[in-house]
Amino acid sequence: MKIGVVGDRETAIGFRLAGLTDVYEVKNTEDAVKVINELSNNDNIAFIIITERIAESIKDKIKNINKVVVEIPDKHGKLERVDPIKELIRKAIGVSMK
């Protein structure tokens, strides 16, 4: 089984240098959707690594994939996401995290 990678230029270069072959550099949402569909239909691909920013832009398409999708930070760093459960707990107990 192989690993598929979808990312920006720098991420793609890094994974190619690490020896992976199913690495795709995408520049826009349309390219990302096309590549994700191709990888999800490939029986040789066990799971897909994708950068967080690209995954965020196509999250509706990723939900329908029957493979494991792992999101990683890109060169800009980790995305700051709000955990809805933590936020509900904070509001319920009256804790402000500013």
PDB file of N, CA and C in Angstrom:
ATOM      1  N   MET A   1       0.834  -1.185   0.000  1.00  0.00           N
ATOM      2  CA  MET A   1       0.000   0.000   0.000  1.00  0.00           C
ATOM      3  C   MET A   1       0.876   1.245   0.000  1.00  0.00           C
ATOM      4  N   LYS A   2       0.367   2.303  -0.620  1.00  0.00           N
ATOM      5  CA  LYS A   2       1.123   3.539  -0.766  1.00  0.00           C
ATOM      6  C   LYS A   2       0.440   4.680  -0.022  1.00  0.00           C
ATOM      7  N   ILE A   3       1.190   5.771   0.085  1.00  0.00           N
ATOM      8  CA  ILE A   3       0.694   6.994   0.704  1.00  0.00           C
ATOM      9  C   ILE A   3       0.556   8.039  -0.390  1.00  0.00           C
ATOM     10  N   GLY A   4      -0.581   8.715  -0.431  1.00  0.00           N
ATOM     11  CA  GLY A   4      -0.784   9.823  -1.348  1.00  0.00           C
ATOM     12  C   GLY A   4      -0.628  11.127  -0.596  1.00  0.00           C
ATOM     13  N   VAL A   5      -0.034  12.112  -1.246  1.00  0.00           N
ATOM     14  CA  VAL A   5       0.198  13.416  -0.612  1.00  0.00           C
ATOM     15  C   VAL A   5      -0.349  14.513  -1.508  1.00  0.00           C
ATOM     16  N   VAL A   6      -1.088  15.440  -0.891  1.00  0.00           N
ATOM     17  CA  VAL A   6      -1.626  16.606  -1.588  1.00  0.00           C
ATOM     18  C   VAL A   6      -1.182  17.829  -0.807  1.00  0.00           C
ATOM     19  N   GLY A   7      -0.478  18.738  -1.478  1.00  0.00           N
ATOM     20  CA  GLY A   7      -0.006  19.902  -0.749  1.00  0.00           C
ATOM     21  C   GLY A   7       0.494  21.012  -1.645  1.00  0.00           C
ATOM     22  N   ASP A   8       1.033  22.029  -1.010  1.00  0.00           N
ATOM     23  CA  ASP A   8       1.627  23.140  -1.751  1.00  0.00           C
ATOM     24  C   ASP A   8       2.995  22.702  -2.279  1.00  0.00           C
ATOM     25  N   ARG A   9       3.674  23.601  -2.956  1.00  0.00           N
ATOM     26  CA  ARG A   9       4.953  23.280  -3.597  1.00  0.00           C
ATOM     27  C   ARG A   9       5.984  22.757  -2.602  1.00  0.00           C
ATOM     28  N   GLU A  10       6.159  23.461  -1.493  1.00  0.00           N
ATOM     29  CA  GLU A  10       7.175  23.093  -0.514  1.00  0.00           C
ATOM     30  C   GLU A  10       6.880  21.742   0.135  1.00  0.00           C
ATOM     31  N   THR A  11       5.624  21.502   0.461  1.00  0.00           N
ATOM     32  CA  THR A  11       5.226  20.226   1.051  1.00  0.00           C
ATOM     33  C   THR A  11       5.476  19.088   0.068  1.00  0.00           C
ATOM     34  N   ALA A  12       5.112  19.298  -1.185  1.00  0.00           N
ATOM     35  CA  ALA A  12       5.306  18.276  -2.209  1.00  0.00           C
ATOM     36  C   ALA A  12       6.792  17.964  -2.384  1.00  0.00           C
ATOM     37  N   ILE A  13       7.611  18.988  -2.425  1.00  0.00           N
ATOM     38  CA  ILE A  13       9.057  18.777  -2.572  1.00  0.00           C
ATOM     39  C   ILE A  13       9.597  17.961  -1.403  1.00  0.00           C
ATOM     40  N   GLY A  14       9.194  18.304  -0.192  1.00  0.00           N
ATOM     41  CA  GLY A  14       9.660  17.588   0.986  1.00  0.00           C
ATOM     42  C   GLY A  14       9.312  16.109   0.953  1.00  0.00           C
ATOM     43  N   PHE A  15       8.091  15.781   0.578  1.00  0.00           N
ATOM     44  CA  PHE A  15       7.691  14.376   0.538  1.00  0.00           C
ATOM     45  C   PHE A  15       8.347  13.636  -0.619  1.00  0.00           C
ATOM     46  N   ARG A  16       8.593  14.328  -1.731  1.00  0.00           N
ATOM     47  CA  ARG A  16       9.319  13.685  -2.834  1.00  0.00           C
ATOM     48  C   ARG A  16      10.754  13.384  -2.417  1.00  0.00           C
ATOM     49  N   LEU A  17      11.375  14.316  -1.702  1.00  0.00           N
ATOM     50  CA  LEU A  17      12.731  14.079  -1.204  1.00  0.00           C
ATOM     51  C   LEU A  17      12.770  12.918  -0.214  1.00  0.00           C
ATOM     52  N   ALA A  18      11.666  12.691   0.489  1.00  0.00           N
ATOM     53  CA  ALA A  18      11.582  11.582   1.434  1.00  0.00           C
ATOM     54  C   ALA A  18      11.341  10.243   0.733  1.00  0.00           C
ATOM     55  N   GLY A  19      11.106  10.275  -0.574  1.00  0.00           N
ATOM     56  CA  GLY A  19      10.975   9.047  -1.341  1.00  0.00           C
ATOM     57  C   GLY A  19       9.571   8.666  -1.755  1.00  0.00           C
ATOM     58  N   LEU A  20       8.579   9.461  -1.426  1.00  0.00           N
ATOM     59  CA  LEU A  20       7.211   9.145  -1.839  1.00  0.00           C
ATOM     60  C   LEU A  20       7.024   9.501  -3.309  1.00  0.00           C
ATOM     61  N   THR A  21       6.200   8.720  -3.991  1.00  0.00           N
ATOM     62  CA  THR A  21       6.017   8.943  -5.426  1.00  0.00           C
ATOM     63  C   THR A  21       4.644   9.501  -5.789  1.00  0.00           C
ATOM     64  N   ASP A  22       3.633   9.217  -4.998  1.00  0.00           N
ATOM     65  CA  ASP A  22       2.280   9.698  -5.282  1.00  0.00           C
ATOM     66  C   ASP A  22       2.057  11.036  -4.585  1.00  0.00           C
ATOM     67  N   VAL A  23       2.831  12.040  -5.018  1.00  0.00           N
ATOM     68  CA  VAL A  23       2.812  13.359  -4.399  1.00  0.00           C
ATOM     69  C   VAL A  23       2.309  14.362  -5.430  1.00  0.00           C
ATOM     70  N   TYR A  24       1.324  15.152  -5.028  1.00  0.00           N
ATOM     71  CA  TYR A  24       0.701  16.100  -5.952  1.00  0.00           C
ATOM     72  C   TYR A  24       0.761  17.512  -5.398  1.00  0.00           C
ATOM     73  N   GLU A  25       1.286  18.400  -6.202  1.00  0.00           N
ATOM     74  CA  GLU A  25       1.319  19.827  -5.859  1.00  0.00           C
ATOM     75  C   GLU A  25       0.073  20.467  -6.459  1.00  0.00           C
ATOM     76  N   VAL A  26      -0.714  21.114  -5.615  1.00  0.00           N
ATOM     77  CA  VAL A  26      -1.935  21.765  -6.101  1.00  0.00           C
ATOM     78  C   VAL A  26      -1.847  23.256  -5.846  1.00  0.00           C
ATOM     79  N   LYS A  27      -2.456  24.019  -6.753  1.00  0.00           N
ATOM     80  CA  LYS A  27      -2.396  25.478  -6.654  1.00  0.00           C
ATOM     81  C   LYS A  27      -3.748  26.110  -6.383  1.00  0.00           C
ATOM     82  N   ASN A  28      -4.819  25.327  -6.548  1.00  0.00           N
ATOM     83  CA  ASN A  28      -6.154  25.874  -6.299  1.00  0.00           C
ATOM     84  C   ASN A  28      -7.107  24.760  -5.873  1.00  0.00           C
ATOM     85  N   THR A  29      -8.298  25.145  -5.519  1.00  0.00           N
ATOM     86  CA  THR A  29      -9.299  24.206  -5.019  1.00  0.00           C
ATOM     87  C   THR A  29      -9.695  23.169  -6.063  1.00  0.00           C
ATOM     88  N   GLU A  30      -9.822  23.590  -7.310  1.00  0.00           N
ATOM     89  CA  GLU A  30     -10.229  22.664  -8.367  1.00  0.00           C
ATOM     90  C   GLU A  30      -9.195  21.556  -8.546  1.00  0.00           C
ATOM     91  N   ASP A  31      -7.908  21.936  -8.537  1.00  0.00           N
ATOM     92  CA  ASP A  31      -6.844  20.932  -8.646  1.00  0.00           C
ATOM     93  C   ASP A  31      -6.900  19.970  -7.459  1.00  0.00           C
ATOM     94  N   ALA A  32      -7.123  20.502  -6.269  1.00  0.00           N
ATOM     95  CA  ALA A  32      -7.155  19.679  -5.061  1.00  0.00           C
ATOM     96  C   ALA A  32      -8.296  18.663  -5.121  1.00  0.00           C
ATOM     97  N   VAL A  33      -9.464  19.083  -5.556  1.00  0.00           N
ATOM     98  CA  VAL A  33     -10.611  18.176  -5.663  1.00  0.00           C
ATOM     99  C   VAL A  33     -10.317  17.082  -6.683  1.00  0.00           C
ATOM    100  N   LYS A  34      -9.737  17.456  -7.806  1.00  0.00           N
ATOM    101  CA  LYS A  34      -9.406  16.481  -8.849  1.00  0.00           C
ATOM    102  C   LYS A  34      -8.424  15.437  -8.320  1.00  0.00           C
ATOM    103  N   VAL A  35      -7.381  15.876  -7.636  1.00  0.00           N
ATOM    104  CA  VAL A  35      -6.365  14.962  -7.110  1.00  0.00           C
ATOM    105  C   VAL A  35      -6.946  14.078  -6.007  1.00  0.00           C
ATOM    106  N   ILE A  36      -7.743  14.650  -5.107  1.00  0.00           N
ATOM    107  CA  ILE A  36      -8.358  13.871  -4.032  1.00  0.00           C
ATOM    108  C   ILE A  36      -9.249  12.779  -4.610  1.00  0.00           C
ATOM    109  N   ASN A  37     -10.023  13.106  -5.628  1.00  0.00           N
ATOM    110  CA  ASN A  37     -10.876  12.101  -6.270  1.00  0.00           C
ATOM    111  C   ASN A  37     -10.035  10.992  -6.900  1.00  0.00           C
ATOM    112  N   GLU A  38      -8.938  11.376  -7.535  1.00  0.00           N
ATOM    113  CA  GLU A  38      -8.048  10.397  -8.157  1.00  0.00           C
ATOM    114  C   GLU A  38      -7.432   9.475  -7.108  1.00  0.00           C
ATOM    115  N   LEU A  39      -6.941  10.050  -6.011  1.00  0.00           N
ATOM    116  CA  LEU A  39      -6.328   9.246  -4.954  1.00  0.00           C
ATOM    117  C   LEU A  39      -7.344   8.356  -4.244  1.00  0.00           C
ATOM    118  N   SER A  40      -8.548   8.864  -4.034  1.00  0.00           N
ATOM    119  CA  SER A  40      -9.556   8.071  -3.327  1.00  0.00           C
ATOM    120  C   SER A  40     -10.037   6.883  -4.154  1.00  0.00           C
ATOM    121  N   ASN A  41      -9.924   6.967  -5.470  1.00  0.00           N
ATOM    122  CA  ASN A  41     -10.325   5.869  -6.350  1.00  0.00           C
ATOM    123  C   ASN A  41      -9.186   4.898  -6.647  1.00  0.00           C
ATOM    124  N   ASN A  42      -7.982   5.221  -6.191  1.00  0.00           N
ATOM    125  CA  ASN A  42      -6.813   4.378  -6.432  1.00  0.00           C
ATOM    126  C   ASN A  42      -6.713   3.333  -5.313  1.00  0.00           C
ATOM    127  N   ASP A  43      -6.830   2.066  -5.659  1.00  0.00           N
ATOM    128  CA  ASP A  43      -6.793   0.992  -4.664  1.00  0.00           C
ATOM    129  C   ASP A  43      -5.415   0.791  -4.042  1.00  0.00           C
ATOM    130  N   ASN A  44      -4.368   1.309  -4.672  1.00  0.00           N
ATOM    131  CA  ASN A  44      -3.012   1.168  -4.140  1.00  0.00           C
ATOM    132  C   ASN A  44      -2.713   2.183  -3.040  1.00  0.00           C
ATOM    133  N   ILE A  45      -3.533   3.200  -2.909  1.00  0.00           N
ATOM    134  CA  ILE A  45      -3.320   4.240  -1.901  1.00  0.00           C
ATOM    135  C   ILE A  45      -4.022   3.830  -0.613  1.00  0.00           C
ATOM    136  N   ALA A  46      -3.243   3.717   0.471  1.00  0.00           N
ATOM    137  CA  ALA A  46      -3.809   3.323   1.765  1.00  0.00           C
ATOM    138  C   ALA A  46      -4.372   4.517   2.508  1.00  0.00           C
ATOM    139  N   PHE A  47      -3.621   5.625   2.523  1.00  0.00           N
ATOM    140  CA  PHE A  47      -4.138   6.838   3.141  1.00  0.00           C
ATOM    141  C   PHE A  47      -3.550   8.059   2.466  1.00  0.00           C
ATOM    142  N   ILE A  48      -4.153   9.207   2.752  1.00  0.00           N
ATOM    143  CA  ILE A  48      -3.809  10.456   2.081  1.00  0.00           C
ATOM    144  C   ILE A  48      -3.357  11.475   3.114  1.00  0.00           C
ATOM    145  N   ILE A  49      -2.227  12.102   2.837  1.00  0.00           N
ATOM    146  CA  ILE A  49      -1.738  13.208   3.648  1.00  0.00           C
ATOM    147  C   ILE A  49      -2.051  14.487   2.880  1.00  0.00           C
ATOM    148  N   ILE A  50      -2.642  15.466   3.571  1.00  0.00           N
ATOM    149  CA  ILE A  50      -3.015  16.722   2.928  1.00  0.00           C
ATOM    150  C   ILE A  50      -2.712  17.874   3.882  1.00  0.00           C
ATOM    151  N   THR A  51      -2.317  19.012   3.343  1.00  0.00           N
ATOM    152  CA  THR A  51      -2.050  20.157   4.213  1.00  0.00           C
ATOM    153  C   THR A  51      -3.365  20.716   4.748  1.00  0.00           C
ATOM    154  N   GLU A  52      -3.307  21.281   5.942  1.00  0.00           N
ATOM    155  CA  GLU A  52      -4.517  21.777   6.614  1.00  0.00           C
ATOM    156  C   GLU A  52      -5.248  22.839   5.795  1.00  0.00           C
ATOM    157  N   ARG A  53      -4.510  23.754   5.193  1.00  0.00           N
ATOM    158  CA  ARG A  53      -5.148  24.835   4.443  1.00  0.00           C
ATOM    159  C   ARG A  53      -5.901  24.304   3.221  1.00  0.00           C
ATOM    160  N   ILE A  54      -5.319  23.348   2.539  1.00  0.00           N
ATOM    161  CA  ILE A  54      -6.000  22.753   1.391  1.00  0.00           C
ATOM    162  C   ILE A  54      -7.202  21.942   1.874  1.00  0.00           C
ATOM    163  N   ALA A  55      -7.020  21.178   2.943  1.00  0.00           N
ATOM    164  CA  ALA A  55      -8.120  20.373   3.493  1.00  0.00           C
ATOM    165  C   ALA A  55      -9.283  21.262   3.916  1.00  0.00           C
ATOM    166  N   GLU A  56      -8.976  22.406   4.499  1.00  0.00           N
ATOM    167  CA  GLU A  56     -10.025  23.330   4.939  1.00  0.00           C
ATOM    168  C   GLU A  56     -10.838  23.837   3.745  1.00  0.00           C
ATOM    169  N   SER A  57     -10.165  24.057   2.609  1.00  0.00           N
ATOM    170  CA  SER A  57     -10.866  24.588   1.440  1.00  0.00           C
ATOM    171  C   SER A  57     -11.740  23.552   0.738  1.00  0.00           C
ATOM    172  N   ILE A  58     -11.475  22.258   0.983  1.00  0.00           N
ATOM    173  CA  ILE A  58     -12.272  21.206   0.331  1.00  0.00           C
ATOM    174  C   ILE A  58     -12.827  20.216   1.344  1.00  0.00           C
ATOM    175  N   LYS A  59     -13.128  20.687   2.540  1.00  0.00           N
ATOM    176  CA  LYS A  59     -13.549  19.783   3.617  1.00  0.00           C
ATOM    177  C   LYS A  59     -14.799  18.979   3.276  1.00  0.00           C
ATOM    178  N   ASP A  60     -15.701  19.519   2.474  1.00  0.00           N
ATOM    179  CA  ASP A  60     -16.902  18.777   2.091  1.00  0.00           C
ATOM    180  C   ASP A  60     -16.565  17.564   1.232  1.00  0.00           C
ATOM    181  N   LYS A  61     -15.552  17.676   0.391  1.00  0.00           N
ATOM    182  CA  LYS A  61     -15.139  16.557  -0.467  1.00  0.00           C
ATOM    183  C   LYS A  61     -14.401  15.493   0.334  1.00  0.00           C
ATOM    184  N   ILE A  62     -13.641  15.910   1.338  1.00  0.00           N
ATOM    185  CA  ILE A  62     -12.859  14.968   2.144  1.00  0.00           C
ATOM    186  C   ILE A  62     -13.764  14.094   3.003  1.00  0.00           C
ATOM    187  N   LYS A  63     -14.888  14.629   3.439  1.00  0.00           N
ATOM    188  CA  LYS A  63     -15.803  13.865   4.299  1.00  0.00           C
ATOM    189  C   LYS A  63     -16.294  12.590   3.634  1.00  0.00           C
ATOM    190  N   ASN A  64     -16.385  12.580   2.316  1.00  0.00           N
ATOM    191  CA  ASN A  64     -16.950  11.448   1.586  1.00  0.00           C
ATOM    192  C   ASN A  64     -15.924  10.401   1.181  1.00  0.00           C
ATOM    193  N   ILE A  65     -14.679  10.567   1.587  1.00  0.00           N
ATOM    194  CA  ILE A  65     -13.619   9.642   1.193  1.00  0.00           C
ATOM    195  C   ILE A  65     -13.588   8.453   2.145  1.00  0.00           C
ATOM    196  N   ASN A  66     -13.402   7.271   1.596  1.00  0.00           N
ATOM    197  CA  ASN A  66     -13.343   6.050   2.398  1.00  0.00           C
ATOM    198  C   ASN A  66     -11.926   5.649   2.757  1.00  0.00           C
ATOM    199  N   LYS A  67     -11.022   6.582   2.761  1.00  0.00           N
ATOM    200  CA  LYS A  67      -9.630   6.345   3.153  1.00  0.00           C
ATOM    201  C   LYS A  67      -9.298   7.235   4.341  1.00  0.00           C
ATOM    202  N   VAL A  68      -8.237   6.894   5.035  1.00  0.00           N
ATOM    203  CA  VAL A  68      -7.794   7.724   6.148  1.00  0.00           C
ATOM    204  C   VAL A  68      -7.122   8.970   5.569  1.00  0.00           C
ATOM    205  N   VAL A  69      -7.558  10.134   6.025  1.00  0.00           N
ATOM    206  CA  VAL A  69      -6.982  11.399   5.581  1.00  0.00           C
ATOM    207  C   VAL A  69      -6.327  12.060   6.781  1.00  0.00           C
ATOM    208  N   VAL A  70      -5.034  12.351   6.650  1.00  0.00           N
ATOM    209  CA  VAL A  70      -4.264  12.969   7.723  1.00  0.00           C
ATOM    210  C   VAL A  70      -3.926  14.389   7.304  1.00  0.00           C
ATOM    211  N   GLU A  71      -4.323  15.361   8.125  1.00  0.00           N
ATOM    212  CA  GLU A  71      -4.021  16.762   7.846  1.00  0.00           C
ATOM    213  C   GLU A  71      -2.746  17.156   8.573  1.00  0.00           C
ATOM    214  N   ILE A  72      -1.854  17.845   7.843  1.00  0.00           N
ATOM    215  CA  ILE A  72      -0.601  18.312   8.423  1.00  0.00           C
ATOM    216  C   ILE A  72      -0.464  19.814   8.194  1.00  0.00           C
ATOM    217  N   PRO A  73       0.295  20.516   9.047  1.00  0.00           N
ATOM    218  CA  PRO A  73       0.535  21.940   8.820  1.00  0.00           C
ATOM    219  C   PRO A  73       1.384  22.142   7.563  1.00  0.00           C
ATOM    220  N   ASP A  74       1.235  23.305   6.946  1.00  0.00           N
ATOM    221  CA  ASP A  74       2.095  23.636   5.811  1.00  0.00           C
ATOM    222  C   ASP A  74       3.196  24.585   6.282  1.00  0.00           C
ATOM    223  N   LYS A  75       3.857  25.264   5.353  1.00  0.00           N
ATOM    224  CA  LYS A  75       4.982  26.135   5.712  1.00  0.00           C
ATOM    225  C   LYS A  75       4.553  27.336   6.558  1.00  0.00           C
ATOM    226  N   HIS A  76       3.268  27.647   6.575  1.00  0.00           N
ATOM    227  CA  HIS A  76       2.769  28.776   7.358  1.00  0.00           C
ATOM    228  C   HIS A  76       2.442  28.391   8.793  1.00  0.00           C
ATOM    229  N   GLY A  77       2.545  27.117   9.111  1.00  0.00           N
ATOM    230  CA  GLY A  77       2.276  26.659  10.467  1.00  0.00           C
ATOM    231  C   GLY A  77       0.874  26.107  10.630  1.00  0.00           C
ATOM    232  N   LYS A  78       0.587  25.745  11.845  1.00  0.00           N
ATOM    233  CA  LYS A  78      -0.686  25.110  12.182  1.00  0.00           C
ATOM    234  C   LYS A  78      -1.834  26.115  12.121  1.00  0.00           C
ATOM    235  N   LEU A  79      -2.982  25.664  11.617  1.00  0.00           N
ATOM    236  CA  LEU A  79      -4.188  26.493  11.622  1.00  0.00           C
ATOM    237  C   LEU A  79      -4.756  26.546  13.033  1.00  0.00           C
ATOM    238  N   GLU A  80      -5.182  27.711  13.441  1.00  0.00           N
ATOM    239  CA  GLU A  80      -5.832  27.861  14.744  1.00  0.00           C
ATOM    240  C   GLU A  80      -7.314  27.570  14.566  1.00  0.00           C
ATOM    241  N   ARG A  81      -7.756  26.469  15.135  1.00  0.00           N
ATOM    242  CA  ARG A  81      -9.160  26.082  15.020  1.00  0.00           C
ATOM    243  C   ARG A  81      -9.791  26.097  16.399  1.00  0.00           C
ATOM    244  N   VAL A  82     -11.043  26.438  16.422  1.00  0.00           N
ATOM    245  CA  VAL A  82     -11.797  26.442  17.673  1.00  0.00           C
ATOM    246  C   VAL A  82     -12.466  25.090  17.829  1.00  0.00           C
ATOM    247  N   ASP A  83     -12.216  24.448  18.963  1.00  0.00           N
ATOM    248  CA  ASP A  83     -12.860  23.174  19.266  1.00  0.00           C
ATOM    249  C   ASP A  83     -14.246  23.479  19.812  1.00  0.00           C
ATOM    250  N   PRO A  84     -15.298  23.095  19.095  1.00  0.00           N
ATOM    251  CA  PRO A  84     -16.653  23.461  19.528  1.00  0.00           C
ATOM    252  C   PRO A  84     -17.026  22.899  20.898  1.00  0.00           C
ATOM    253  N   ILE A  85     -16.528  21.731  21.233  1.00  0.00           N
ATOM    254  CA  ILE A  85     -16.860  21.140  22.538  1.00  0.00           C
ATOM    255  C   ILE A  85     -16.189  21.934  23.655  1.00  0.00           C
ATOM    256  N   LYS A  86     -14.922  22.279  23.473  1.00  0.00           N
ATOM    257  CA  LYS A  86     -14.228  23.090  24.480  1.00  0.00           C
ATOM    258  C   LYS A  86     -14.922  24.435  24.655  1.00  0.00           C
ATOM    259  N   GLU A  87     -15.349  25.015  23.563  1.00  0.00           N
ATOM    260  CA  GLU A  87     -16.016  26.315  23.609  1.00  0.00           C
ATOM    261  C   GLU A  87     -17.337  26.222  24.374  1.00  0.00           C
ATOM    262  N   LEU A  88     -18.107  25.164  24.146  1.00  0.00           N
ATOM    263  CA  LEU A  88     -19.361  24.976  24.872  1.00  0.00           C
ATOM    264  C   LEU A  88     -19.114  24.791  26.368  1.00  0.00           C
ATOM    265  N   ILE A  89     -18.089  24.041  26.718  1.00  0.00           N
ATOM    266  CA  ILE A  89     -17.757  23.833  28.130  1.00  0.00           C
ATOM    267  C   ILE A  89     -17.340  25.146  28.779  1.00  0.00           C
ATOM    268  N   ARG A  90     -16.516  25.928  28.068  1.00  0.00           N
ATOM    269  CA  ARG A  90     -16.086  27.226  28.609  1.00  0.00           C
ATOM    270  C   ARG A  90     -17.281  28.143  28.868  1.00  0.00           C
ATOM    271  N   LYS A  91     -18.205  28.166  27.933  1.00  0.00           N
ATOM    272  CA  LYS A  91     -19.397  29.008  28.097  1.00  0.00           C
ATOM    273  C   LYS A  91     -20.270  28.497  29.243  1.00  0.00           C
ATOM    274  N   ALA A  92     -20.385  27.174  29.350  1.00  0.00           N
ATOM    275  CA  ALA A  92     -21.246  26.591  30.401  1.00  0.00           C
ATOM    276  C   ALA A  92     -20.727  26.873  31.796  1.00  0.00           C
ATOM    277  N   ILE A  93     -19.407  26.852  31.972  1.00  0.00           N
ATOM    278  CA  ILE A  93     -18.856  27.080  33.293  1.00  0.00           C
ATOM    279  C   ILE A  93     -18.432  28.525  33.509  1.00  0.00           C
ATOM    280  N   GLY A  94     -18.554  29.346  32.465  1.00  0.00           N
ATOM    281  CA  GLY A  94     -18.284  30.766  32.602  1.00  0.00           C
ATOM    282  C   GLY A  94     -16.819  31.149  32.619  1.00  0.00           C
ATOM    283  N   VAL A  95     -15.994  30.406  31.916  1.00  0.00           N
ATOM    284  CA  VAL A  95     -14.563  30.707  31.843  1.00  0.00           C
ATOM    285  C   VAL A  95     -14.282  31.436  30.549  1.00  0.00           C
ATOM    286  N   SER A  96     -13.577  32.545  30.638  1.00  0.00           N
ATOM    287  CA  SER A  96     -13.192  33.300  29.466  1.00  0.00           C
ATOM    288  C   SER A  96     -11.711  33.087  29.193  1.00  0.00           C
ATOM    289  N   MET A  97     -11.360  32.675  27.981  1.00  0.00           N
ATOM    290  CA  MET A  97      -9.967  32.421  27.616  1.00  0.00           C
ATOM    291  C   MET A  97      -9.523  33.463  26.595  1.00  0.00           C
ATOM    292  N   LYS A  98      -9.101  34.623  27.059  1.00  0.00           N
ATOM    293  CA  LYS A  98      -8.648  35.676  26.146  1.00  0.00           C
ATOM    294  C   LYS A  98      -7.212  35.996  26.375  1.00  0.00           C
TER     295      LYS A  98
END
